[in-house]
Amino acid sequence: MNMKAAKGFASGLGVNIEDFSPSIAQTIKAAEMWTGDSEDGAAWPFDLLDERKIQALDNSARSQLEKSVLNAAAQLGLDVKKDESK
């Protein structure tokens, strides 16, 4: 399965590519790191954080980082949590 087919398959099923093919998901992430392209085409918004290093984290480390960011944002009174209804 190629990347385009994987994205279509995931979209049709309403799941993440990582849910059915972690290897294809990692390939897509690696390609996006080197091209500077992201899923929504937005530029990386952080000056002091290395996007490539964050993208290269394994799922456990990325989850830990995400929870830490949410906790720090909450302490600062910032709402950065994804709206689950969308």
PDB file of N, CA and C in Angstrom:
ATOM      1  N   MET A   1       0.853  -1.174   0.000  1.00  0.00           N
ATOM      2  CA  MET A   1       0.000   0.000   0.000  1.00  0.00           C
ATOM      3  C   MET A   1       0.900   1.238   0.000  1.00  0.00           C
ATOM      4  N   ASN A   2       0.593   2.196  -0.863  1.00  0.00           N
ATOM      5  CA  ASN A   2       1.381   3.427  -0.883  1.00  0.00           C
ATOM      6  C   ASN A   2       0.788   4.465   0.072  1.00  0.00           C
ATOM      7  N   MET A   3       1.498   5.600   0.215  1.00  0.00           N
ATOM      8  CA  MET A   3       1.081   6.614   1.184  1.00  0.00           C
ATOM      9  C   MET A   3      -0.276   7.220   0.832  1.00  0.00           C
ATOM     10  N   LYS A   4      -0.509   7.479  -0.440  1.00  0.00           N
ATOM     11  CA  LYS A   4      -1.784   8.076  -0.851  1.00  0.00           C
ATOM     12  C   LYS A   4      -2.938   7.126  -0.546  1.00  0.00           C
ATOM     13  N   ALA A   5      -2.748   5.854  -0.852  1.00  0.00           N
ATOM     14  CA  ALA A   5      -3.790   4.861  -0.568  1.00  0.00           C
ATOM     15  C   ALA A   5      -4.023   4.735   0.935  1.00  0.00           C
ATOM     16  N   ALA A   6      -2.947   4.767   1.706  1.00  0.00           N
ATOM     17  CA  ALA A   6      -3.071   4.664   3.163  1.00  0.00           C
ATOM     18  C   ALA A   6      -3.866   5.835   3.731  1.00  0.00           C
ATOM     19  N   LYS A   7      -3.584   7.054   3.223  1.00  0.00           N
ATOM     20  CA  LYS A   7      -4.334   8.229   3.697  1.00  0.00           C
ATOM     21  C   LYS A   7      -5.818   8.103   3.344  1.00  0.00           C
ATOM     22  N   GLY A   8      -6.116   7.621   2.129  1.00  0.00           N
ATOM     23  CA  GLY A   8      -7.507   7.435   1.730  1.00  0.00           C
ATOM     24  C   GLY A   8      -8.196   6.372   2.556  1.00  0.00           C
ATOM     25  N   PHE A   9      -7.505   5.278   2.804  1.00  0.00           N
ATOM     26  CA  PHE A   9      -8.037   4.183   3.611  1.00  0.00           C
ATOM     27  C   PHE A   9      -8.344   4.665   5.018  1.00  0.00           C
ATOM     28  N   ALA A  10      -7.405   5.387   5.614  1.00  0.00           N
ATOM     29  CA  ALA A  10      -7.590   5.901   6.977  1.00  0.00           C
ATOM     30  C   ALA A  10      -8.751   6.879   7.033  1.00  0.00           C
ATOM     31  N   SER A  11      -8.817   7.752   6.044  1.00  0.00           N
ATOM     32  CA  SER A  11      -9.901   8.733   6.005  1.00  0.00           C
ATOM     33  C   SER A  11     -11.265   8.043   5.882  1.00  0.00           C
ATOM     34  N   GLY A  12     -11.329   7.060   5.008  1.00  0.00           N
ATOM     35  CA  GLY A  12     -12.595   6.332   4.801  1.00  0.00           C
ATOM     36  C   GLY A  12     -13.056   5.584   6.030  1.00  0.00           C
ATOM     37  N   LEU A  13     -12.111   5.060   6.791  1.00  0.00           N
ATOM     38  CA  LEU A  13     -12.456   4.309   8.001  1.00  0.00           C
ATOM     39  C   LEU A  13     -12.564   5.184   9.243  1.00  0.00           C
ATOM     40  N   GLY A  14     -12.098   6.427   9.124  1.00  0.00           N
ATOM     41  CA  GLY A  14     -12.129   7.319  10.281  1.00  0.00           C
ATOM     42  C   GLY A  14     -11.118   6.942  11.344  1.00  0.00           C
ATOM     43  N   VAL A  15      -9.967   6.425  10.902  1.00  0.00           N
ATOM     44  CA  VAL A  15      -8.903   6.046  11.836  1.00  0.00           C
ATOM     45  C   VAL A  15      -7.607   6.727  11.408  1.00  0.00           C
ATOM     46  N   ASN A  16      -6.586   6.614  12.244  1.00  0.00           N
ATOM     47  CA  ASN A  16      -5.260   7.101  11.888  1.00  0.00           C
ATOM     48  C   ASN A  16      -4.508   6.005  11.150  1.00  0.00           C
ATOM     49  N   ILE A  17      -3.624   6.392  10.264  1.00  0.00           N
ATOM     50  CA  ILE A  17      -2.811   5.404   9.544  1.00  0.00           C
ATOM     51  C   ILE A  17      -2.045   4.544  10.536  1.00  0.00           C
ATOM     52  N   GLU A  18      -1.561   5.159  11.602  1.00  0.00           N
ATOM     53  CA  GLU A  18      -0.818   4.443  12.632  1.00  0.00           C
ATOM     54  C   GLU A  18      -1.621   3.281  13.225  1.00  0.00           C
ATOM     55  N   ASP A  19      -2.960   3.383  13.192  1.00  0.00           N
ATOM     56  CA  ASP A  19      -3.806   2.332  13.752  1.00  0.00           C
ATOM     57  C   ASP A  19      -3.715   1.026  12.968  1.00  0.00           C
ATOM     58  N   PHE A  20      -3.487   1.098  11.654  1.00  0.00           N
ATOM     59  CA  PHE A  20      -3.412  -0.130  10.867  1.00  0.00           C
ATOM     60  C   PHE A  20      -2.039  -0.389  10.256  1.00  0.00           C
ATOM     61  N   SER A  21      -1.187   0.645  10.188  1.00  0.00           N
ATOM     62  CA  SER A  21       0.156   0.435   9.653  1.00  0.00           C
ATOM     63  C   SER A  21       1.145   1.435  10.241  1.00  0.00           C
ATOM     64  N   PRO A  22       1.702   1.092  11.394  1.00  0.00           N
ATOM     65  CA  PRO A  22       2.694   1.980  11.994  1.00  0.00           C
ATOM     66  C   PRO A  22       3.875   2.272  11.068  1.00  0.00           C
ATOM     67  N   SER A  23       4.248   1.306  10.244  1.00  0.00           N
ATOM     68  CA  SER A  23       5.402   1.525   9.363  1.00  0.00           C
ATOM     69  C   SER A  23       5.093   2.563   8.284  1.00  0.00           C
ATOM     70  N   ILE A  24       3.901   2.526   7.696  1.00  0.00           N
ATOM     71  CA  ILE A  24       3.527   3.535   6.699  1.00  0.00           C
ATOM     72  C   ILE A  24       3.395   4.895   7.372  1.00  0.00           C
ATOM     73  N   ALA A  25       2.825   4.925   8.568  1.00  0.00           N
ATOM     74  CA  ALA A  25       2.690   6.190   9.299  1.00  0.00           C
ATOM     75  C   ALA A  25       4.060   6.808   9.550  1.00  0.00           C
ATOM     76  N   GLN A  26       5.023   5.992   9.935  1.00  0.00           N
ATOM     77  CA  GLN A  26       6.372   6.499  10.195  1.00  0.00           C
ATOM     78  C   GLN A  26       7.022   6.994   8.907  1.00  0.00           C
ATOM     79  N   THR A  27       6.781   6.303   7.806  1.00  0.00           N
ATOM     80  CA  THR A  27       7.323   6.731   6.514  1.00  0.00           C
ATOM     81  C   THR A  27       6.759   8.087   6.121  1.00  0.00           C
ATOM     82  N   ILE A  28       5.469   8.278   6.327  1.00  0.00           N
ATOM     83  CA  ILE A  28       4.823   9.557   6.009  1.00  0.00           C
ATOM     84  C   ILE A  28       5.399  10.666   6.886  1.00  0.00           C
ATOM     85  N   LYS A  29       5.536  10.392   8.175  1.00  0.00           N
ATOM     86  CA  LYS A  29       6.090  11.402   9.087  1.00  0.00           C
ATOM     87  C   LYS A  29       7.512  11.765   8.688  1.00  0.00           C
ATOM     88  N   ALA A  30       8.289  10.761   8.327  1.00  0.00           N
ATOM     89  CA  ALA A  30       9.675  11.031   7.919  1.00  0.00           C
ATOM     90  C   ALA A  30       9.706  11.871   6.650  1.00  0.00           C
ATOM     91  N   ALA A  31       8.846  11.563   5.700  1.00  0.00           N
ATOM     92  CA  ALA A  31       8.805  12.335   4.453  1.00  0.00           C
ATOM     93  C   ALA A  31       8.391  13.775   4.731  1.00  0.00           C
ATOM     94  N   GLU A  32       7.426  13.967   5.597  1.00  0.00           N
ATOM     95  CA  GLU A  32       6.969  15.312   5.930  1.00  0.00           C
ATOM     96  C   GLU A  32       8.066  16.101   6.647  1.00  0.00           C
ATOM     97  N   MET A  33       8.877  15.417   7.464  1.00  0.00           N
ATOM     98  CA  MET A  33       9.971  16.101   8.164  1.00  0.00           C
ATOM     99  C   MET A  33      10.963  16.683   7.166  1.00  0.00           C
ATOM    100  N   TRP A  34      11.252  15.947   6.113  1.00  0.00           N
ATOM    101  CA  TRP A  34      12.274  16.372   5.165  1.00  0.00           C
ATOM    102  C   TRP A  34      11.761  17.356   4.132  1.00  0.00           C
ATOM    103  N   THR A  35      10.449  17.386   3.922  1.00  0.00           N
ATOM    104  CA  THR A  35       9.905  18.323   2.942  1.00  0.00           C
ATOM    105  C   THR A  35       9.382  19.584   3.595  1.00  0.00           C
ATOM    106  N   GLY A  36       9.177  19.544   4.903  1.00  0.00           N
ATOM    107  CA  GLY A  36       8.609  20.699   5.589  1.00  0.00           C
ATOM    108  C   GLY A  36       7.097  20.759   5.439  1.00  0.00           C
ATOM    109  N   ASP A  37       6.528  19.750   4.788  1.00  0.00           N
ATOM    110  CA  ASP A  37       5.081  19.706   4.610  1.00  0.00           C
ATOM    111  C   ASP A  37       4.450  19.018   5.803  1.00  0.00           C
ATOM    112  N   SER A  38       3.296  19.498   6.193  1.00  0.00           N
ATOM    113  CA  SER A  38       2.538  18.842   7.237  1.00  0.00           C
ATOM    114  C   SER A  38       1.156  18.545   6.690  1.00  0.00           C
ATOM    115  N   GLU A  39       0.394  17.805   7.439  1.00  0.00           N
ATOM    116  CA  GLU A  39      -0.929  17.381   6.990  1.00  0.00           C
ATOM    117  C   GLU A  39      -1.791  18.560   6.558  1.00  0.00           C
ATOM    118  N   ASP A  40      -1.739  19.661   7.295  1.00  0.00           N
ATOM    119  CA  ASP A  40      -2.586  20.806   6.969  1.00  0.00           C
ATOM    120  C   ASP A  40      -1.822  21.922   6.257  1.00  0.00           C
ATOM    121  N   GLY A  41      -0.547  21.700   5.975  1.00  0.00           N
ATOM    122  CA  GLY A  41       0.245  22.689   5.259  1.00  0.00           C
ATOM    123  C   GLY A  41       0.729  23.851   6.116  1.00  0.00           C
ATOM    124  N   ALA A  42       0.473  23.800   7.415  1.00  0.00           N
ATOM    125  CA  ALA A  42       0.866  24.889   8.309  1.00  0.00           C
ATOM    126  C   ALA A  42       2.359  24.796   8.637  1.00  0.00           C
ATOM    127  N   ALA A  43       2.988  25.946   8.814  1.00  0.00           N
ATOM    128  CA  ALA A  43       4.391  25.991   9.198  1.00  0.00           C
ATOM    129  C   ALA A  43       4.527  25.651  10.680  1.00  0.00           C
ATOM    130  N   TRP A  44       5.658  25.089  11.053  1.00  0.00           N
ATOM    131  CA  TRP A  44       5.941  24.762  12.458  1.00  0.00           C
ATOM    132  C   TRP A  44       5.952  26.059  13.254  1.00  0.00           C
ATOM    133  N   PRO A  45       5.154  26.177  14.309  1.00  0.00           N
ATOM    134  CA  PRO A  45       5.004  27.465  15.008  1.00  0.00           C
ATOM    135  C   PRO A  45       6.021  27.739  16.116  1.00  0.00           C
ATOM    136  N   PHE A  46       6.931  26.805  16.386  1.00  0.00           N
ATOM    137  CA  PHE A  46       7.835  26.970  17.527  1.00  0.00           C
ATOM    138  C   PHE A  46       9.263  27.249  17.079  1.00  0.00           C
ATOM    139  N   ASP A  47       9.881  28.249  17.693  1.00  0.00           N
ATOM    140  CA  ASP A  47      11.259  28.607  17.362  1.00  0.00           C
ATOM    141  C   ASP A  47      12.280  27.765  18.119  1.00  0.00           C
ATOM    142  N   LEU A  48      11.961  27.354  19.342  1.00  0.00           N
ATOM    143  CA  LEU A  48      12.929  26.678  20.194  1.00  0.00           C
ATOM    144  C   LEU A  48      12.777  25.161  20.224  1.00  0.00           C
ATOM    145  N   LEU A  49      11.749  24.637  19.567  1.00  0.00           N
ATOM    146  CA  LEU A  49      11.517  23.192  19.529  1.00  0.00           C
ATOM    147  C   LEU A  49      11.844  22.666  18.146  1.00  0.00           C
ATOM    148  N   ASP A  50      12.580  21.568  18.088  1.00  0.00           N
ATOM    149  CA  ASP A  50      12.985  20.965  16.828  1.00  0.00           C
ATOM    150  C   ASP A  50      11.900  19.991  16.359  1.00  0.00           C
ATOM    151  N   GLU A  51      11.218  20.367  15.291  1.00  0.00           N
ATOM    152  CA  GLU A  51      10.115  19.544  14.777  1.00  0.00           C
ATOM    153  C   GLU A  51      10.584  18.138  14.424  1.00  0.00           C
ATOM    154  N   ARG A  52      11.741  18.011  13.830  1.00  0.00           N
ATOM    155  CA  ARG A  52      12.244  16.690  13.421  1.00  0.00           C
ATOM    156  C   ARG A  52      12.473  15.795  14.627  1.00  0.00           C
ATOM    157  N   LYS A  53      12.998  16.359  15.700  1.00  0.00           N
ATOM    158  CA  LYS A  53      13.225  15.558  16.902  1.00  0.00           C
ATOM    159  C   LYS A  53      11.904  15.116  17.518  1.00  0.00           C
ATOM    160  N   ILE A  54      10.939  16.000  17.520  1.00  0.00           N
ATOM    161  CA  ILE A  54       9.628  15.651  18.080  1.00  0.00           C
ATOM    162  C   ILE A  54       8.948  14.595  17.224  1.00  0.00           C
ATOM    163  N   GLN A  55       8.990  14.756  15.906  1.00  0.00           N
ATOM    164  CA  GLN A  55       8.391  13.765  15.006  1.00  0.00           C
ATOM    165  C   GLN A  55       9.076  12.411  15.129  1.00  0.00           C
ATOM    166  N   ALA A  56      10.357  12.399  15.471  1.00  0.00           N
ATOM    167  CA  ALA A  56      11.109  11.148  15.567  1.00  0.00           C
ATOM    168  C   ALA A  56      10.869  10.404  16.881  1.00  0.00           C
ATOM    169  N   LEU A  57      10.203  11.033  17.839  1.00  0.00           N
ATOM    170  CA  LEU A  57       9.931  10.372  19.113  1.00  0.00           C
ATOM    171  C   LEU A  57       9.029   9.161  18.903  1.00  0.00           C
ATOM    172  N   ASP A  58       9.223   8.141  19.728  1.00  0.00           N
ATOM    173  CA  ASP A  58       8.307   7.003  19.655  1.00  0.00           C
ATOM    174  C   ASP A  58       6.969   7.408  20.296  1.00  0.00           C
ATOM    175  N   ASN A  59       5.971   6.575  20.126  1.00  0.00           N
ATOM    176  CA  ASN A  59       4.619   6.911  20.600  1.00  0.00           C
ATOM    177  C   ASN A  59       4.566   7.217  22.088  1.00  0.00           C
ATOM    178  N   SER A  60       5.298   6.455  22.891  1.00  0.00           N
ATOM    179  CA  SER A  60       5.280   6.657  24.337  1.00  0.00           C
ATOM    180  C   SER A  60       5.871   8.014  24.713  1.00  0.00           C
ATOM    181  N   ALA A  61       7.018   8.334  24.141  1.00  0.00           N
ATOM    182  CA  ALA A  61       7.659   9.614  24.441  1.00  0.00           C
ATOM    183  C   ALA A  61       6.817  10.777  23.939  1.00  0.00           C
ATOM    184  N   ARG A  62       6.220  10.620  22.758  1.00  0.00           N
ATOM    185  CA  ARG A  62       5.385  11.681  22.208  1.00  0.00           C
ATOM    186  C   ARG A  62       4.150  11.902  23.087  1.00  0.00           C
ATOM    187  N   SER A  63       3.590  10.825  23.604  1.00  0.00           N
ATOM    188  CA  SER A  63       2.434  10.932  24.500  1.00  0.00           C
ATOM    189  C   SER A  63       2.821  11.631  25.802  1.00  0.00           C
ATOM    190  N   GLN A  64       3.991  11.295  26.346  1.00  0.00           N
ATOM    191  CA  GLN A  64       4.462  11.948  27.567  1.00  0.00           C
ATOM    192  C   GLN A  64       4.668  13.444  27.336  1.00  0.00           C
ATOM    193  N   LEU A  65       5.265  13.787  26.212  1.00  0.00           N
ATOM    194  CA  LEU A  65       5.499  15.192  25.890  1.00  0.00           C
ATOM    195  C   LEU A  65       4.177  15.932  25.726  1.00  0.00           C
ATOM    196  N   GLU A  66       3.238  15.297  25.034  1.00  0.00           N
ATOM    197  CA  GLU A  66       1.940  15.921  24.809  1.00  0.00           C
ATOM    198  C   GLU A  66       1.228  16.202  26.133  1.00  0.00           C
ATOM    199  N   LYS A  67       1.249  15.243  27.042  1.00  0.00           N
ATOM    200  CA  LYS A  67       0.616  15.432  28.353  1.00  0.00           C
ATOM    201  C   LYS A  67       1.306  16.540  29.139  1.00  0.00           C
ATOM    202  N   SER A  68       2.626  16.607  29.032  1.00  0.00           N
ATOM    203  CA  SER A  68       3.371  17.662  29.723  1.00  0.00           C
ATOM    204  C   SER A  68       3.020  19.038  29.181  1.00  0.00           C
ATOM    205  N   VAL A  69       2.877  19.138  27.867  1.00  0.00           N
ATOM    206  CA  VAL A  69       2.498  20.415  27.243  1.00  0.00           C
ATOM    207  C   VAL A  69       1.101  20.818  27.705  1.00  0.00           C
ATOM    208  N   LEU A  70       0.172  19.880  27.726  1.00  0.00           N
ATOM    209  CA  LEU A  70      -1.186  20.193  28.177  1.00  0.00           C
ATOM    210  C   LEU A  70      -1.196  20.654  29.629  1.00  0.00           C
ATOM    211  N   ASN A  71      -0.400  19.990  30.483  1.00  0.00           N
ATOM    212  CA  ASN A  71      -0.319  20.385  31.891  1.00  0.00           C
ATOM    213  C   ASN A  71       0.281  21.779  32.042  1.00  0.00           C
ATOM    214  N   ALA A  72       1.365  22.045  31.329  1.00  0.00           N
ATOM    215  CA  ALA A  72       2.013  23.361  31.410  1.00  0.00           C
ATOM    216  C   ALA A  72       1.077  24.455  30.890  1.00  0.00           C
ATOM    217  N   ALA A  73       0.386  24.181  29.797  1.00  0.00           N
ATOM    218  CA  ALA A  73      -0.547  25.166  29.243  1.00  0.00           C
ATOM    219  C   ALA A  73      -1.674  25.453  30.232  1.00  0.00           C
ATOM    220  N   ALA A  74      -2.199  24.422  30.863  1.00  0.00           N
ATOM    221  CA  ALA A  74      -3.270  24.607  31.844  1.00  0.00           C
ATOM    222  C   ALA A  74      -2.787  25.471  33.009  1.00  0.00           C
ATOM    223  N   GLN A  75      -1.551  25.260  33.468  1.00  0.00           N
ATOM    224  CA  GLN A  75      -1.002  26.066  34.561  1.00  0.00           C
ATOM    225  C   GLN A  75      -0.858  27.528  34.158  1.00  0.00           C
ATOM    226  N   LEU A  76      -0.652  27.769  32.866  1.00  0.00           N
ATOM    227  CA  LEU A  76      -0.539  29.140  32.363  1.00  0.00           C
ATOM    228  C   LEU A  76      -1.901  29.736  31.991  1.00  0.00           C
ATOM    229  N   GLY A  77      -2.943  28.930  32.139  1.00  0.00           N
ATOM    230  CA  GLY A  77      -4.280  29.395  31.797  1.00  0.00           C
ATOM    231  C   GLY A  77      -4.551  29.386  30.294  1.00  0.00           C
ATOM    232  N   LEU A  78      -3.817  28.558  29.573  1.00  0.00           N
ATOM    233  CA  LEU A  78      -3.984  28.476  28.121  1.00  0.00           C
ATOM    234  C   LEU A  78      -4.748  27.217  27.752  1.00  0.00           C
ATOM    235  N   ASP A  79      -5.683  27.344  26.841  1.00  0.00           N
ATOM    236  CA  ASP A  79      -6.452  26.190  26.365  1.00  0.00           C
ATOM    237  C   ASP A  79      -5.915  25.788  24.993  1.00  0.00           C
ATOM    238  N   VAL A  80      -5.084  24.747  24.973  1.00  0.00           N
ATOM    239  CA  VAL A  80      -4.527  24.261  23.712  1.00  0.00           C
ATOM    240  C   VAL A  80      -4.995  22.855  23.378  1.00  0.00           C
ATOM    241  N   LYS A  81      -5.885  22.327  24.212  1.00  0.00           N
ATOM    242  CA  LYS A  81      -6.380  20.967  24.000  1.00  0.00           C
ATOM    243  C   LYS A  81      -7.288  20.924  22.781  1.00  0.00           C
ATOM    244  N   LYS A  82      -7.130  19.880  21.987  1.00  0.00           N
ATOM    245  CA  LYS A  82      -7.938  19.686  20.792  1.00  0.00           C
ATOM    246  C   LYS A  82      -9.402  19.544  21.170  1.00  0.00           C
ATOM    247  N   ASP A  83     -10.271  20.191  20.407  1.00  0.00           N
ATOM    248  CA  ASP A  83     -11.712  20.085  20.610  1.00  0.00           C
ATOM    249  C   ASP A  83     -12.152  18.722  20.122  1.00  0.00           C
ATOM    250  N   GLU A  84     -12.600  17.865  21.015  1.00  0.00           N
ATOM    251  CA  GLU A  84     -12.991  16.481  20.678  1.00  0.00           C
ATOM    252  C   GLU A  84     -14.205  16.407  19.791  1.00  0.00           C
ATOM    253  N   SER A  85     -14.998  17.466  19.707  1.00  0.00           N
ATOM    254  CA  SER A  85     -16.238  17.417  18.928  1.00  0.00           C
ATOM    255  C   SER A  85     -16.005  17.582  17.434  1.00  0.00           C
ATOM    256  N   LYS A  86     -14.775  17.961  17.026  1.00  0.00           N
ATOM    257  CA  LYS A  86     -14.495  18.174  15.604  1.00  0.00           C
ATOM    258  C   LYS A  86     -14.003  16.937  14.933  1.00  0.00           C
TER     259      LYS A  86
END
